[in-house]
Protein backbone atom coordinates (compact mmCIF):
# COMPACT_ATOMS: atom_id res chain seq x y z
CA UNK A 1 70.89 -13.26 -29.35
CA UNK A 2 73.00 -16.17 -28.28
CA UNK A 3 76.00 -17.52 -30.14
CA UNK A 4 73.74 -20.00 -31.92
CA UNK A 5 71.60 -17.15 -33.25
CA UNK A 6 68.58 -18.12 -31.18
CA UNK A 7 66.45 -15.40 -29.61
CA UNK A 8 66.35 -15.46 -25.82
CA UNK A 9 63.17 -13.88 -24.42
CA UNK A 10 63.49 -11.11 -21.86
CA UNK A 11 62.82 -11.77 -18.21
CA UNK A 12 59.60 -9.73 -18.43
CA UNK A 13 58.44 -11.83 -21.38
CA UNK A 14 59.00 -15.02 -19.41
CA UNK A 15 57.27 -13.66 -16.27
CA UNK A 16 54.27 -12.62 -18.36
CA UNK A 17 53.95 -15.86 -20.35
CA UNK A 18 50.35 -16.99 -20.37
CA UNK A 19 51.12 -20.42 -18.92
CA UNK A 20 53.20 -19.07 -16.06
CA UNK A 21 50.66 -16.37 -15.19
CA UNK A 22 47.77 -18.86 -15.33
CA UNK A 23 49.51 -21.50 -13.21
CA UNK A 24 50.69 -18.94 -10.66
CA UNK A 25 47.19 -17.45 -10.42
CA UNK A 26 45.64 -20.87 -9.79
CA UNK A 27 48.23 -21.67 -7.13
CA UNK A 28 47.72 -18.26 -5.51
CA UNK A 29 43.94 -18.72 -5.49
CA UNK A 30 44.15 -22.10 -3.77
CA UNK A 31 47.00 -21.39 -1.35
CA UNK A 32 45.85 -17.83 -0.65
CA UNK A 33 42.34 -18.98 0.20
CA UNK A 34 43.60 -21.66 2.57
CA UNK A 35 45.98 -19.21 4.25
CA UNK A 36 43.26 -16.55 4.56
CA UNK A 37 40.93 -19.03 6.23
CA UNK A 38 43.72 -20.01 8.62
CA UNK A 39 44.84 -16.45 9.33
CA UNK A 40 41.47 -14.68 9.44
CA UNK A 41 39.08 -17.55 10.10
CA UNK A 42 38.18 -16.24 13.52
CA UNK A 43 37.23 -12.85 12.08
CA UNK A 44 35.18 -14.55 9.35
CA UNK A 45 33.27 -16.65 11.88
CA UNK A 46 32.75 -13.73 14.28
CA UNK A 47 31.62 -11.42 11.50
CA UNK A 48 34.39 -8.97 12.40
CA UNK A 49 35.88 -6.70 9.76
CA UNK A 50 38.67 -8.23 7.70
CA UNK A 51 42.00 -6.53 7.08
CA UNK A 52 42.14 -5.84 3.34
CA UNK A 53 45.93 -5.51 3.07
CA UNK A 54 46.40 -8.88 4.79
CA UNK A 55 44.00 -10.51 2.35
CA UNK A 56 45.82 -9.01 -0.64
CA UNK A 57 49.24 -9.93 0.69
CA UNK A 58 48.12 -13.48 1.43
CA UNK A 59 47.27 -13.93 -2.26
CA UNK A 60 50.26 -11.98 -3.55
CA UNK A 61 52.94 -14.00 -1.75
CA UNK A 62 52.03 -17.43 -3.19
CA UNK A 63 51.65 -15.84 -6.65
CA UNK A 64 55.16 -14.38 -6.44
CA UNK A 65 56.66 -17.61 -5.09
CA UNK A 66 55.02 -19.72 -7.82
CA UNK A 67 56.11 -17.26 -10.51
CA UNK A 68 59.68 -17.19 -9.19
CA UNK A 69 59.84 -20.98 -9.22
CA UNK A 70 58.45 -21.24 -12.74
CA UNK A 71 60.74 -18.54 -14.14
CA UNK A 72 63.79 -20.04 -12.43
CA UNK A 73 62.98 -23.46 -13.88
CA UNK A 74 62.43 -21.97 -17.32
CA UNK A 75 65.75 -20.09 -17.25
CA UNK A 76 67.59 -23.21 -16.10
CA UNK A 77 66.04 -25.21 -18.94
CA UNK A 78 67.05 -22.53 -21.44
CA UNK A 79 70.59 -22.50 -20.05
CA UNK A 80 70.91 -26.30 -20.35
CA UNK A 81 69.62 -26.27 -23.92
CA UNK A 82 72.07 -23.53 -24.87
CA UNK A 83 75.10 -25.53 -23.71
CA UNK A 84 77.01 -27.23 -26.48
CA UNK A 85 76.69 -31.01 -26.40
């Protein structure tokens, strides 16, 4: 609880907010797909086997970056609102 008696959600609660998860997943799907085509396009065209861990990592990184940005912005907004006027 803050001095004003308002409940501040935990970091985990913010990271798992539906809006943040949804937005990060959409960003990861778009950016991850583009990056996978760039990084493994030659293997796709040649019909060669794809590297599963590279595919997973290529989706995971933009998800984490988008989530970090959203959580950081949310925490900054909460901090500004908590400051006395």
